[in-house]
Amino acid sequence: MQRNSHVRVERVYVERGPCDDIRVLVDRLWPRGLSRARADLDDWCKGVAPSAELRTWYGHDPDRFAEFERRYRRELDDPERADALRYLRELARCRTLTLLTATRKPEISEAAVLADVLNAEQATE
């Protein structure tokens, strides 16, 4: 089966765009100051989010991103996160999946790591 989809990352505060087939929030905590209606998302997959301990240690410090990515990829093998990752994989199978995060720098977030994982898997299939 030919795939025309890909996984992208966006801030949850950005309005849905024409490339947003499916919008899924991947943060464990609901974004501050955002109503569910304004979020305009299709799902909230908090089960794939990093552990509270890892999130607290990381603190979105750019100097810690490489280590955060390594540790988070290891956490994705945890059964709950692995199930949530499979769910995201299915969503991305034939449509563009936009992973949403509240962080100010989505390029150094768990959403970016997930997008890399999912896009790499699609590239090898």
PDB file of N, CA and C in Angstrom:
ATOM      1  N   MET A   1       0.834  -1.179   0.000  1.00  0.00           N
ATOM      2  CA  MET A   1       0.000   0.000   0.000  1.00  0.00           C
ATOM      3  C   MET A   1       0.877   1.240   0.000  1.00  0.00           C
ATOM      4  N   GLN A   2       0.645   2.123  -0.934  1.00  0.00           N
ATOM      5  CA  GLN A   2       1.402   3.371  -1.048  1.00  0.00           C
ATOM      6  C   GLN A   2       0.974   4.336   0.059  1.00  0.00           C
ATOM      7  N   ARG A   3       1.919   4.990   0.694  1.00  0.00           N
ATOM      8  CA  ARG A   3       1.602   5.957   1.736  1.00  0.00           C
ATOM      9  C   ARG A   3       1.876   7.358   1.231  1.00  0.00           C
ATOM     10  N   ASN A   4       0.917   8.221   1.441  1.00  0.00           N
ATOM     11  CA  ASN A   4       1.076   9.627   1.086  1.00  0.00           C
ATOM     12  C   ASN A   4       1.046  10.501   2.333  1.00  0.00           C
ATOM     13  N   SER A   5       1.122   9.879   3.472  1.00  0.00           N
ATOM     14  CA  SER A   5       0.997  10.612   4.724  1.00  0.00           C
ATOM     15  C   SER A   5       2.358  10.881   5.330  1.00  0.00           C
ATOM     16  N   HIS A   6       2.328  11.730   6.313  1.00  0.00           N
ATOM     17  CA  HIS A   6       3.507  11.940   7.138  1.00  0.00           C
ATOM     18  C   HIS A   6       3.058  12.496   8.477  1.00  0.00           C
ATOM     19  N   VAL A   7       3.988  12.577   9.389  1.00  0.00           N
ATOM     20  CA  VAL A   7       3.711  13.060  10.731  1.00  0.00           C
ATOM     21  C   VAL A   7       4.408  14.397  10.890  1.00  0.00           C
ATOM     22  N   ARG A   8       3.658  15.364  11.367  1.00  0.00           N
ATOM     23  CA  ARG A   8       4.214  16.696  11.584  1.00  0.00           C
ATOM     24  C   ARG A   8       3.966  17.124  13.021  1.00  0.00           C
ATOM     25  N   VAL A   9       4.607  18.204  13.441  1.00  0.00           N
ATOM     26  CA  VAL A   9       4.520  18.701  14.810  1.00  0.00           C
ATOM     27  C   VAL A   9       4.081  20.159  14.764  1.00  0.00           C
ATOM     28  N   GLU A  10       3.199  20.518  15.708  1.00  0.00           N
ATOM     29  CA  GLU A  10       2.703  21.894  15.765  1.00  0.00           C
ATOM     30  C   GLU A  10       2.357  22.215  17.208  1.00  0.00           C
ATOM     31  N   ARG A  11       2.320  23.495  17.519  1.00  0.00           N
ATOM     32  CA  ARG A  11       1.837  23.911  18.845  1.00  0.00           C
ATOM     33  C   ARG A  11       0.327  23.784  18.868  1.00  0.00           C
ATOM     34  N   VAL A  12      -0.214  23.353  19.971  1.00  0.00           N
ATOM     35  CA  VAL A  12      -1.651  23.147  20.106  1.00  0.00           C
ATOM     36  C   VAL A  12      -2.416  24.463  19.987  1.00  0.00           C
ATOM     37  N   TYR A  13      -1.753  25.580  20.222  1.00  0.00           N
ATOM     38  CA  TYR A  13      -2.397  26.893  20.169  1.00  0.00           C
ATOM     39  C   TYR A  13      -2.600  27.385  18.737  1.00  0.00           C
ATOM     40  N   VAL A  14      -1.981  26.740  17.770  1.00  0.00           N
ATOM     41  CA  VAL A  14      -2.100  27.126  16.358  1.00  0.00           C
ATOM     42  C   VAL A  14      -3.384  26.514  15.796  1.00  0.00           C
ATOM     43  N   GLU A  15      -4.130  27.319  15.065  1.00  0.00           N
ATOM     44  CA  GLU A  15      -5.386  26.833  14.497  1.00  0.00           C
ATOM     45  C   GLU A  15      -5.146  25.740  13.472  1.00  0.00           C
ATOM     46  N   ARG A  16      -6.135  24.869  13.326  1.00  0.00           N
ATOM     47  CA  ARG A  16      -6.091  23.790  12.336  1.00  0.00           C
ATOM     48  C   ARG A  16      -5.837  24.396  10.954  1.00  0.00           C
ATOM     49  N   GLY A  17      -4.940  23.766  10.211  1.00  0.00           N
ATOM     50  CA  GLY A  17      -4.620  24.208   8.861  1.00  0.00           C
ATOM     51  C   GLY A  17      -5.021  23.161   7.844  1.00  0.00           C
ATOM     52  N   PRO A  18      -4.839  23.456   6.576  1.00  0.00           N
ATOM     53  CA  PRO A  18      -5.245  22.524   5.526  1.00  0.00           C
ATOM     54  C   PRO A  18      -4.455  21.214   5.523  1.00  0.00           C
ATOM     55  N   CYS A  19      -3.285  21.196   6.125  1.00  0.00           N
ATOM     56  CA  CYS A  19      -2.472  19.972   6.183  1.00  0.00           C
ATOM     57  C   CYS A  19      -2.818  19.100   7.380  1.00  0.00           C
ATOM     58  N   ASP A  20      -3.698  19.557   8.244  1.00  0.00           N
ATOM     59  CA  ASP A  20      -4.032  18.836   9.466  1.00  0.00           C
ATOM     60  C   ASP A  20      -5.190  17.875   9.246  1.00  0.00           C
ATOM     61  N   ASP A  21      -4.896  16.661   8.803  1.00  0.00           N
ATOM     62  CA  ASP A  21      -5.945  15.642   8.670  1.00  0.00           C
ATOM     63  C   ASP A  21      -6.422  15.199  10.047  1.00  0.00           C
ATOM     64  N   ILE A  22      -5.465  14.824  10.901  1.00  0.00           N
ATOM     65  CA  ILE A  22      -5.770  14.355  12.256  1.00  0.00           C
ATOM     66  C   ILE A  22      -4.854  15.113  13.213  1.00  0.00           C
ATOM     67  N   ARG A  23      -5.450  15.729  14.232  1.00  0.00           N
ATOM     68  CA  ARG A  23      -4.688  16.481  15.237  1.00  0.00           C
ATOM     69  C   ARG A  23      -4.793  15.759  16.575  1.00  0.00           C
ATOM     70  N   VAL A  24      -3.626  15.391  17.134  1.00  0.00           N
ATOM     71  CA  VAL A  24      -3.596  14.651  18.400  1.00  0.00           C
ATOM     72  C   VAL A  24      -2.639  15.335  19.373  1.00  0.00           C
ATOM     73  N   LEU A  25      -3.160  15.689  20.537  1.00  0.00           N
ATOM     74  CA  LEU A  25      -2.336  16.232  21.611  1.00  0.00           C
ATOM     75  C   LEU A  25      -1.569  15.084  22.259  1.00  0.00           C
ATOM     76  N   VAL A  26      -0.256  15.248  22.421  1.00  0.00           N
ATOM     77  CA  VAL A  26       0.573  14.183  23.003  1.00  0.00           C
ATOM     78  C   VAL A  26       1.191  14.577  24.344  1.00  0.00           C
ATOM     79  N   ASP A  27       0.782  15.692  24.906  1.00  0.00           N
ATOM     80  CA  ASP A  27       1.233  16.104  26.236  1.00  0.00           C
ATOM     81  C   ASP A  27       0.426  15.361  27.301  1.00  0.00           C
ATOM     82  N   ARG A  28       1.026  15.110  28.440  1.00  0.00           N
ATOM     83  CA  ARG A  28       0.302  14.464  29.543  1.00  0.00           C
ATOM     84  C   ARG A  28      -0.662  15.447  30.210  1.00  0.00           C
ATOM     85  N   LEU A  29      -0.288  16.711  30.277  1.00  0.00           N
ATOM     86  CA  LEU A  29      -1.108  17.727  30.938  1.00  0.00           C
ATOM     87  C   LEU A  29      -1.853  18.563  29.899  1.00  0.00           C
ATOM     88  N   TRP A  30      -3.072  18.967  30.247  1.00  0.00           N
ATOM     89  CA  TRP A  30      -3.851  19.817  29.344  1.00  0.00           C
ATOM     90  C   TRP A  30      -3.192  21.192  29.268  1.00  0.00           C
ATOM     91  N   PRO A  31      -3.111  21.789  28.072  1.00  0.00           N
ATOM     92  CA  PRO A  31      -2.455  23.095  27.903  1.00  0.00           C
ATOM     93  C   PRO A  31      -3.148  24.205  28.697  1.00  0.00           C
ATOM     94  N   ARG A  32      -2.360  24.963  29.381  1.00  0.00           N
ATOM     95  CA  ARG A  32      -2.844  26.066  30.200  1.00  0.00           C
ATOM     96  C   ARG A  32      -3.558  27.108  29.337  1.00  0.00           C
ATOM     97  N   GLY A  33      -4.736  27.535  29.797  1.00  0.00           N
ATOM     98  CA  GLY A  33      -5.459  28.629  29.151  1.00  0.00           C
ATOM     99  C   GLY A  33      -6.128  28.286  27.836  1.00  0.00           C
ATOM    100  N   LEU A  34      -6.269  27.012  27.522  1.00  0.00           N
ATOM    101  CA  LEU A  34      -6.838  26.611  26.237  1.00  0.00           C
ATOM    102  C   LEU A  34      -8.114  25.801  26.469  1.00  0.00           C
ATOM    103  N   SER A  35      -9.208  26.255  25.866  1.00  0.00           N
ATOM    104  CA  SER A  35     -10.453  25.492  25.987  1.00  0.00           C
ATOM    105  C   SER A  35     -10.401  24.303  25.037  1.00  0.00           C
ATOM    106  N   ARG A  36     -11.187  23.297  25.329  1.00  0.00           N
ATOM    107  CA  ARG A  36     -11.229  22.119  24.459  1.00  0.00           C
ATOM    108  C   ARG A  36     -11.771  22.477  23.081  1.00  0.00           C
ATOM    109  N   ALA A  37     -12.722  23.385  23.028  1.00  0.00           N
ATOM    110  CA  ALA A  37     -13.281  23.791  21.730  1.00  0.00           C
ATOM    111  C   ALA A  37     -12.229  24.503  20.885  1.00  0.00           C
ATOM    112  N   ARG A  38     -11.471  25.403  21.500  1.00  0.00           N
ATOM    113  CA  ARG A  38     -10.452  26.141  20.748  1.00  0.00           C
ATOM    114  C   ARG A  38      -9.287  25.237  20.319  1.00  0.00           C
ATOM    115  N   ALA A  39      -9.032  24.195  21.092  1.00  0.00           N
ATOM    116  CA  ALA A  39      -7.929  23.283  20.762  1.00  0.00           C
ATOM    117  C   ALA A  39      -8.186  22.585  19.433  1.00  0.00           C
ATOM    118  N   ASP A  40      -9.429  22.323  19.099  1.00  0.00           N
ATOM    119  CA  ASP A  40      -9.805  21.703  17.827  1.00  0.00           C
ATOM    120  C   ASP A  40      -8.924  20.493  17.518  1.00  0.00           C
ATOM    121  N   LEU A  41      -8.939  19.544  18.461  1.00  0.00           N
ATOM    122  CA  LEU A  41      -8.147  18.348  18.232  1.00  0.00           C
ATOM    123  C   LEU A  41      -9.062  17.135  18.095  1.00  0.00           C
ATOM    124  N   ASP A  42      -8.517  16.105  17.487  1.00  0.00           N
ATOM    125  CA  ASP A  42      -9.285  14.882  17.260  1.00  0.00           C
ATOM    126  C   ASP A  42      -9.113  13.882  18.390  1.00  0.00           C
ATOM    127  N   ASP A  43      -8.002  13.981  19.122  1.00  0.00           N
ATOM    128  CA  ASP A  43      -7.778  13.050  20.219  1.00  0.00           C
ATOM    129  C   ASP A  43      -6.702  13.615  21.136  1.00  0.00           C
ATOM    130  N   TRP A  44      -6.661  13.056  22.337  1.00  0.00           N
ATOM    131  CA  TRP A  44      -5.634  13.391  23.315  1.00  0.00           C
ATOM    132  C   TRP A  44      -5.007  12.079  23.742  1.00  0.00           C
ATOM    133  N   CYS A  45      -3.784  11.842  23.307  1.00  0.00           N
ATOM    134  CA  CYS A  45      -3.093  10.576  23.553  1.00  0.00           C
ATOM    135  C   CYS A  45      -2.039  10.790  24.644  1.00  0.00           C
ATOM    136  N   LYS A  46      -2.507  11.010  25.873  1.00  0.00           N
ATOM    137  CA  LYS A  46      -1.569  11.295  26.955  1.00  0.00           C
ATOM    138  C   LYS A  46      -0.770  10.073  27.385  1.00  0.00           C
ATOM    139  N   GLY A  47      -1.216   8.877  26.991  1.00  0.00           N
ATOM    140  CA  GLY A  47      -0.498   7.666  27.349  1.00  0.00           C
ATOM    141  C   GLY A  47       0.876   7.545  26.710  1.00  0.00           C
ATOM    142  N   VAL A  48       1.133   8.311  25.658  1.00  0.00           N
ATOM    143  CA  VAL A  48       2.426   8.256  24.977  1.00  0.00           C
ATOM    144  C   VAL A  48       3.415   9.282  25.536  1.00  0.00           C
ATOM    145  N   ALA A  49       2.943  10.140  26.411  1.00  0.00           N
ATOM    146  CA  ALA A  49       3.792  11.219  26.945  1.00  0.00           C
ATOM    147  C   ALA A  49       4.918  10.659  27.815  1.00  0.00           C
ATOM    148  N   PRO A  50       6.005  11.408  27.932  1.00  0.00           N
ATOM    149  CA  PRO A  50       7.103  10.979  28.802  1.00  0.00           C
ATOM    150  C   PRO A  50       6.664  10.932  30.263  1.00  0.00           C
ATOM    151  N   SER A  51       7.372  10.166  31.045  1.00  0.00           N
ATOM    152  CA  SER A  51       7.075  10.080  32.479  1.00  0.00           C
ATOM    153  C   SER A  51       7.237  11.455  33.122  1.00  0.00           C
ATOM    154  N   ALA A  52       6.559  11.628  34.245  1.00  0.00           N
ATOM    155  CA  ALA A  52       6.672  12.893  34.984  1.00  0.00           C
ATOM    156  C   ALA A  52       8.118  13.142  35.394  1.00  0.00           C
ATOM    157  N   GLU A  53       8.815  12.076  35.781  1.00  0.00           N
ATOM    158  CA  GLU A  53      10.218  12.226  36.197  1.00  0.00           C
ATOM    159  C   GLU A  53      11.085  12.721  35.041  1.00  0.00           C
ATOM    160  N   LEU A  54      10.907  12.136  33.868  1.00  0.00           N
ATOM    161  CA  LEU A  54      11.708  12.552  32.718  1.00  0.00           C
ATOM    162  C   LEU A  54      11.347  13.967  32.302  1.00  0.00           C
ATOM    163  N   ARG A  55      10.068  14.271  32.285  1.00  0.00           N
ATOM    164  CA  ARG A  55       9.618  15.612  31.887  1.00  0.00           C
ATOM    165  C   ARG A  55      10.185  16.667  32.836  1.00  0.00           C
ATOM    166  N   THR A  56      10.148  16.374  34.148  1.00  0.00           N
ATOM    167  CA  THR A  56      10.668  17.316  35.131  1.00  0.00           C
ATOM    168  C   THR A  56      12.177  17.485  34.985  1.00  0.00           C
ATOM    169  N   TRP A  57      12.894  16.379  34.817  1.00  0.00           N
ATOM    170  CA  TRP A  57      14.346  16.454  34.641  1.00  0.00           C
ATOM    171  C   TRP A  57      14.705  17.285  33.409  1.00  0.00           C
ATOM    172  N   TYR A  58      13.993  17.056  32.318  1.00  0.00           N
ATOM    173  CA  TYR A  58      14.304  17.727  31.052  1.00  0.00           C
ATOM    174  C   TYR A  58      14.019  19.225  31.136  1.00  0.00           C
ATOM    175  N   GLY A  59      12.833  19.614  31.556  1.00  0.00           N
ATOM    176  CA  GLY A  59      12.495  21.028  31.679  1.00  0.00           C
ATOM    177  C   GLY A  59      12.625  21.820  30.392  1.00  0.00           C
ATOM    178  N   HIS A  60      12.604  21.161  29.255  1.00  0.00           N
ATOM    179  CA  HIS A  60      12.750  21.782  27.927  1.00  0.00           C
ATOM    180  C   HIS A  60      14.046  22.580  27.799  1.00  0.00           C
ATOM    181  N   ASP A  61      15.080  22.084  28.453  1.00  0.00           N
ATOM    182  CA  ASP A  61      16.411  22.678  28.352  1.00  0.00           C
ATOM    183  C   ASP A  61      17.048  22.171  27.066  1.00  0.00           C
ATOM    184  N   PRO A  62      17.307  23.057  26.089  1.00  0.00           N
ATOM    185  CA  PRO A  62      17.871  22.616  24.804  1.00  0.00           C
ATOM    186  C   PRO A  62      19.162  21.821  24.955  1.00  0.00           C
ATOM    187  N   ASP A  63      19.958  22.112  25.982  1.00  0.00           N
ATOM    188  CA  ASP A  63      21.213  21.388  26.194  1.00  0.00           C
ATOM    189  C   ASP A  63      20.978  19.934  26.628  1.00  0.00           C
ATOM    190  N   ARG A  64      19.769  19.635  27.106  1.00  0.00           N
ATOM    191  CA  ARG A  64      19.456  18.284  27.553  1.00  0.00           C
ATOM    192  C   ARG A  64      18.636  17.494  26.525  1.00  0.00           C
ATOM    193  N   PHE A  65      18.339  18.104  25.375  1.00  0.00           N
ATOM    194  CA  PHE A  65      17.437  17.447  24.439  1.00  0.00           C
ATOM    195  C   PHE A  65      17.959  16.097  23.948  1.00  0.00           C
ATOM    196  N   ALA A  66      19.219  15.998  23.596  1.00  0.00           N
ATOM    197  CA  ALA A  66      19.758  14.729  23.080  1.00  0.00           C
ATOM    198  C   ALA A  66      19.587  13.613  24.114  1.00  0.00           C
ATOM    199  N   GLU A  67      19.884  13.907  25.371  1.00  0.00           N
ATOM    200  CA  GLU A  67      19.719  12.908  26.426  1.00  0.00           C
ATOM    201  C   GLU A  67      18.233  12.630  26.682  1.00  0.00           C
ATOM    202  N   PHE A  68      17.406  13.676  26.639  1.00  0.00           N
ATOM    203  CA  PHE A  68      15.955  13.490  26.777  1.00  0.00           C
ATOM    204  C   PHE A  68      15.441  12.551  25.679  1.00  0.00           C
ATOM    205  N   GLU A  69      15.867  12.798  24.447  1.00  0.00           N
ATOM    206  CA  GLU A  69      15.422  11.955  23.335  1.00  0.00           C
ATOM    207  C   GLU A  69      15.828  10.497  23.548  1.00  0.00           C
ATOM    208  N   ARG A  70      17.058  10.280  23.973  1.00  0.00           N
ATOM    209  CA  ARG A  70      17.535   8.915  24.226  1.00  0.00           C
ATOM    210  C   ARG A  70      16.698   8.229  25.303  1.00  0.00           C
ATOM    211  N   ARG A  71      16.473   8.927  26.406  1.00  0.00           N
ATOM    212  CA  ARG A  71      15.696   8.349  27.507  1.00  0.00           C
ATOM    213  C   ARG A  71      14.229   8.140  27.112  1.00  0.00           C
ATOM    214  N   TYR A  72      13.672   9.098  26.385  1.00  0.00           N
ATOM    215  CA  TYR A  72      12.263   8.991  25.990  1.00  0.00           C
ATOM    216  C   TYR A  72      12.056   7.842  25.007  1.00  0.00           C
ATOM    217  N   ARG A  73      12.961   7.681  24.067  1.00  0.00           N
ATOM    218  CA  ARG A  73      12.854   6.546  23.146  1.00  0.00           C
ATOM    219  C   ARG A  73      12.870   5.222  23.908  1.00  0.00           C
ATOM    220  N   ARG A  74      13.651   5.173  24.968  1.00  0.00           N
ATOM    221  CA  ARG A  74      13.678   3.972  25.805  1.00  0.00           C
ATOM    222  C   ARG A  74      12.334   3.796  26.526  1.00  0.00           C
ATOM    223  N   GLU A  75      11.756   4.900  26.985  1.00  0.00           N
ATOM    224  CA  GLU A  75      10.449   4.832  27.647  1.00  0.00           C
ATOM    225  C   GLU A  75       9.343   4.369  26.701  1.00  0.00           C
ATOM    226  N   LEU A  76       9.497   4.600  25.423  1.00  0.00           N
ATOM    227  CA  LEU A  76       8.476   4.198  24.449  1.00  0.00           C
ATOM    228  C   LEU A  76       8.320   2.683  24.363  1.00  0.00           C
ATOM    229  N   ASP A  77       9.263   1.942  24.946  1.00  0.00           N
ATOM    230  CA  ASP A  77       9.139   0.481  25.006  1.00  0.00           C
ATOM    231  C   ASP A  77       8.246   0.025  26.158  1.00  0.00           C
ATOM    232  N   ASP A  78       7.954   0.919  27.096  1.00  0.00           N
ATOM    233  CA  ASP A  78       7.041   0.618  28.192  1.00  0.00           C
ATOM    234  C   ASP A  78       5.684   0.222  27.596  1.00  0.00           C
ATOM    235  N   PRO A  79       5.022  -0.811  28.121  1.00  0.00           N
ATOM    236  CA  PRO A  79       3.787  -1.316  27.503  1.00  0.00           C
ATOM    237  C   PRO A  79       2.709  -0.264  27.234  1.00  0.00           C
ATOM    238  N   GLU A  80       2.443   0.624  28.201  1.00  0.00           N
ATOM    239  CA  GLU A  80       1.409   1.648  27.976  1.00  0.00           C
ATOM    240  C   GLU A  80       1.801   2.578  26.838  1.00  0.00           C
ATOM    241  N   ARG A  81       3.052   3.025  26.842  1.00  0.00           N
ATOM    242  CA  ARG A  81       3.506   3.934  25.781  1.00  0.00           C
ATOM    243  C   ARG A  81       3.591   3.206  24.440  1.00  0.00           C
ATOM    244  N   ALA A  82       3.998   1.950  24.466  1.00  0.00           N
ATOM    245  CA  ALA A  82       4.082   1.175  23.220  1.00  0.00           C
ATOM    246  C   ALA A  82       2.693   1.023  22.600  1.00  0.00           C
ATOM    247  N   ASP A  83       1.666   0.790  23.417  1.00  0.00           N
ATOM    248  CA  ASP A  83       0.296   0.713  22.898  1.00  0.00           C
ATOM    249  C   ASP A  83      -0.136   2.046  22.302  1.00  0.00           C
ATOM    250  N   ALA A  84       0.167   3.135  23.005  1.00  0.00           N
ATOM    251  CA  ALA A  84      -0.198   4.465  22.504  1.00  0.00           C
ATOM    252  C   ALA A  84       0.555   4.781  21.205  1.00  0.00           C
ATOM    253  N   LEU A  85       1.808   4.364  21.117  1.00  0.00           N
ATOM    254  CA  LEU A  85       2.582   4.584  19.900  1.00  0.00           C
ATOM    255  C   LEU A  85       1.993   3.797  18.733  1.00  0.00           C
ATOM    256  N   ARG A  86       1.555   2.567  18.988  1.00  0.00           N
ATOM    257  CA  ARG A  86       0.887   1.782  17.943  1.00  0.00           C
ATOM    258  C   ARG A  86      -0.371   2.486  17.452  1.00  0.00           C
ATOM    259  N   TYR A  87      -1.116   3.073  18.379  1.00  0.00           N
ATOM    260  CA  TYR A  87      -2.318   3.821  18.024  1.00  0.00           C
ATOM    261  C   TYR A  87      -1.968   4.993  17.101  1.00  0.00           C
ATOM    262  N   LEU A  88      -0.933   5.745  17.444  1.00  0.00           N
ATOM    263  CA  LEU A  88      -0.514   6.867  16.593  1.00  0.00           C
ATOM    264  C   LEU A  88      -0.044   6.363  15.228  1.00  0.00           C
ATOM    265  N   ARG A  89       0.651   5.242  15.225  1.00  0.00           N
ATOM    266  CA  ARG A  89       1.123   4.641  13.973  1.00  0.00           C
ATOM    267  C   ARG A  89      -0.067   4.335  13.054  1.00  0.00           C
ATOM    268  N   GLU A  90      -1.131   3.801  13.630  1.00  0.00           N
ATOM    269  CA  GLU A  90      -2.336   3.496  12.840  1.00  0.00           C
ATOM    270  C   GLU A  90      -2.987   4.763  12.304  1.00  0.00           C
ATOM    271  N   LEU A  91      -3.048   5.796  13.121  1.00  0.00           N
ATOM    272  CA  LEU A  91      -3.627   7.063  12.673  1.00  0.00           C
ATOM    273  C   LEU A  91      -2.841   7.638  11.493  1.00  0.00           C
ATOM    274  N   ALA A  92      -1.536   7.466  11.529  1.00  0.00           N
ATOM    275  CA  ALA A  92      -0.671   8.043  10.493  1.00  0.00           C
ATOM    276  C   ALA A  92      -0.578   7.169   9.254  1.00  0.00           C
ATOM    277  N   ARG A  93      -1.181   6.009   9.284  1.00  0.00           N
ATOM    278  CA  ARG A  93      -1.027   5.048   8.188  1.00  0.00           C
ATOM    279  C   ARG A  93      -1.378   5.625   6.820  1.00  0.00           C
ATOM    280  N   CYS A  94      -2.472   6.336   6.711  1.00  0.00           N
ATOM    281  CA  CYS A  94      -2.913   6.809   5.387  1.00  0.00           C
ATOM    282  C   CYS A  94      -3.223   8.303   5.336  1.00  0.00           C
ATOM    283  N   ARG A  95      -3.029   8.979   6.449  1.00  0.00           N
ATOM    284  CA  ARG A  95      -3.351  10.406   6.488  1.00  0.00           C
ATOM    285  C   ARG A  95      -2.248  11.163   7.204  1.00  0.00           C
ATOM    286  N   THR A  96      -2.232  12.465   7.031  1.00  0.00           N
ATOM    287  CA  THR A  96      -1.251  13.284   7.734  1.00  0.00           C
ATOM    288  C   THR A  96      -1.674  13.437   9.185  1.00  0.00           C
ATOM    289  N   LEU A  97      -0.761  13.116  10.075  1.00  0.00           N
ATOM    290  CA  LEU A  97      -0.998  13.211  11.508  1.00  0.00           C
ATOM    291  C   LEU A  97      -0.212  14.397  12.041  1.00  0.00           C
ATOM    292  N   THR A  98      -0.904  15.294  12.730  1.00  0.00           N
ATOM    293  CA  THR A  98      -0.246  16.418  13.373  1.00  0.00           C
ATOM    294  C   THR A  98      -0.213  16.160  14.867  1.00  0.00           C
ATOM    295  N   LEU A  99       0.995  16.039  15.409  1.00  0.00           N
ATOM    296  CA  LEU A  99       1.185  15.845  16.842  1.00  0.00           C
ATOM    297  C   LEU A  99       1.269  17.219  17.490  1.00  0.00           C
ATOM    298  N   LEU A 100       0.429  17.434  18.483  1.00  0.00           N
ATOM    299  CA  LEU A 100       0.323  18.739  19.123  1.00  0.00           C
ATOM    300  C   LEU A 100       0.959  18.740  20.497  1.00  0.00           C
ATOM    301  N   THR A 101       1.601  19.853  20.817  1.00  0.00           N
ATOM    302  CA  THR A 101       2.218  20.050  22.117  1.00  0.00           C
ATOM    303  C   THR A 101       2.046  21.507  22.520  1.00  0.00           C
ATOM    304  N   ALA A 102       2.030  21.763  23.818  1.00  0.00           N
ATOM    305  CA  ALA A 102       1.876  23.124  24.310  1.00  0.00           C
ATOM    306  C   ALA A 102       3.214  23.849  24.456  1.00  0.00           C
ATOM    307  N   THR A 103       4.309  23.139  24.358  1.00  0.00           N
ATOM    308  CA  THR A 103       5.613  23.754  24.576  1.00  0.00           C
ATOM    309  C   THR A 103       5.888  24.884  23.574  1.00  0.00           C
ATOM    310  N   ARG A 104       6.665  25.839  24.009  1.00  0.00           N
ATOM    311  CA  ARG A 104       7.006  26.970  23.130  1.00  0.00           C
ATOM    312  C   ARG A 104       7.969  26.574  22.017  1.00  0.00           C
ATOM    313  N   LYS A 105       8.714  25.501  22.246  1.00  0.00           N
ATOM    314  CA  LYS A 105       9.690  25.045  21.256  1.00  0.00           C
ATOM    315  C   LYS A 105       9.368  23.607  20.875  1.00  0.00           C
ATOM    316  N   PRO A 106       8.390  23.425  19.982  1.00  0.00           N
ATOM    317  CA  PRO A 106       7.981  22.058  19.631  1.00  0.00           C
ATOM    318  C   PRO A 106       9.086  21.236  18.987  1.00  0.00           C
ATOM    319  N   GLU A 107      10.088  21.889  18.427  1.00  0.00           N
ATOM    320  CA  GLU A 107      11.172  21.160  17.776  1.00  0.00           C
ATOM    321  C   GLU A 107      12.063  20.413  18.772  1.00  0.00           C
ATOM    322  N   ILE A 108      11.935  20.730  20.071  1.00  0.00           N
ATOM    323  CA  ILE A 108      12.690  20.007  21.095  1.00  0.00           C
ATOM    324  C   ILE A 108      11.727  19.416  22.132  1.00  0.00           C
ATOM    325  N   SER A 109      10.643  18.856  21.638  1.00  0.00           N
ATOM    326  CA  SER A 109       9.616  18.297  22.511  1.00  0.00           C
ATOM    327  C   SER A 109       9.456  16.801  22.273  1.00  0.00           C
ATOM    328  N   GLU A 110       8.630  16.163  23.109  1.00  0.00           N
ATOM    329  CA  GLU A 110       8.315  14.755  22.882  1.00  0.00           C
ATOM    330  C   GLU A 110       7.599  14.566  21.557  1.00  0.00           C
ATOM    331  N   ALA A 111       6.840  15.565  21.125  1.00  0.00           N
ATOM    332  CA  ALA A 111       6.152  15.473  19.833  1.00  0.00           C
ATOM    333  C   ALA A 111       7.161  15.349  18.694  1.00  0.00           C
ATOM    334  N   ALA A 112       8.261  16.071  18.779  1.00  0.00           N
ATOM    335  CA  ALA A 112       9.300  15.993  17.746  1.00  0.00           C
ATOM    336  C   ALA A 112       9.938  14.608  17.726  1.00  0.00           C
ATOM    337  N   VAL A 113      10.178  14.049  18.905  1.00  0.00           N
ATOM    338  CA  VAL A 113      10.759  12.705  18.983  1.00  0.00           C
ATOM    339  C   VAL A 113       9.790  11.698  18.373  1.00  0.00           C
ATOM    340  N   LEU A 114       8.517  11.791  18.745  1.00  0.00           N
ATOM    341  CA  LEU A 114       7.513  10.878  18.194  1.00  0.00           C
ATOM    342  C   LEU A 114       7.413  11.006  16.678  1.00  0.00           C
ATOM    343  N   ALA A 115       7.425  12.217  16.173  1.00  0.00           N
ATOM    344  CA  ALA A 115       7.360  12.418  14.727  1.00  0.00           C
ATOM    345  C   ALA A 115       8.553  11.775  14.036  1.00  0.00           C
ATOM    346  N   ASP A 116       9.742  11.919  14.615  1.00  0.00           N
ATOM    347  CA  ASP A 116      10.939  11.283  14.046  1.00  0.00           C
ATOM    348  C   ASP A 116      10.784   9.763  14.025  1.00  0.00           C
ATOM    349  N   VAL A 117      10.297   9.208  15.121  1.00  0.00           N
ATOM    350  CA  VAL A 117      10.111   7.750  15.204  1.00  0.00           C
ATOM    351  C   VAL A 117       9.119   7.290  14.141  1.00  0.00           C
ATOM    352  N   LEU A 118       7.963   7.936  14.064  1.00  0.00           N
ATOM    353  CA  LEU A 118       6.916   7.517  13.139  1.00  0.00           C
ATOM    354  C   LEU A 118       7.295   7.745  11.690  1.00  0.00           C
ATOM    355  N   ASN A 119       7.910   8.880  11.380  1.00  0.00           N
ATOM    356  CA  ASN A 119       8.329   9.140  10.002  1.00  0.00           C
ATOM    357  C   ASN A 119       9.434   8.185   9.564  1.00  0.00           C
ATOM    358  N   ALA A 120      10.345   7.843  10.474  1.00  0.00           N
ATOM    359  CA  ALA A 120      11.410   6.892  10.137  1.00  0.00           C
ATOM    360  C   ALA A 120      10.829   5.517   9.849  1.00  0.00           C
ATOM    361  N   GLU A 121       9.824   5.113  10.625  1.00  0.00           N
ATOM    362  CA  GLU A 121       9.186   3.817  10.384  1.00  0.00           C
ATOM    363  C   GLU A 121       8.504   3.806   9.018  1.00  0.00           C
ATOM    364  N   GLN A 122       7.839   4.868   8.673  1.00  0.00           N
ATOM    365  CA  GLN A 122       7.144   4.934   7.388  1.00  0.00           C
ATOM    366  C   GLN A 122       8.132   4.904   6.239  1.00  0.00           C
ATOM    367  N   ALA A 123       9.287   5.527   6.421  1.00  0.00           N
ATOM    368  CA  ALA A 123      10.281   5.569   5.367  1.00  0.00           C
ATOM    369  C   ALA A 123      10.868   4.186   5.068  1.00  0.00           C
ATOM    370  N   THR A 124      10.875   3.315   6.080  1.00  0.00           N
ATOM    371  CA  THR A 124      11.470   1.992   5.876  1.00  0.00           C
ATOM    372  C   THR A 124      10.457   0.951   5.409  1.00  0.00           C
ATOM    373  N   GLU A 125       9.189   1.315   5.410  1.00  0.00           N
ATOM    374  CA  GLU A 125       8.153   0.343   4.967  1.00  0.00           C
ATOM    375  C   GLU A 125       7.950   0.396   3.467  1.00  0.00           C
TER     376      GLU A 125
END
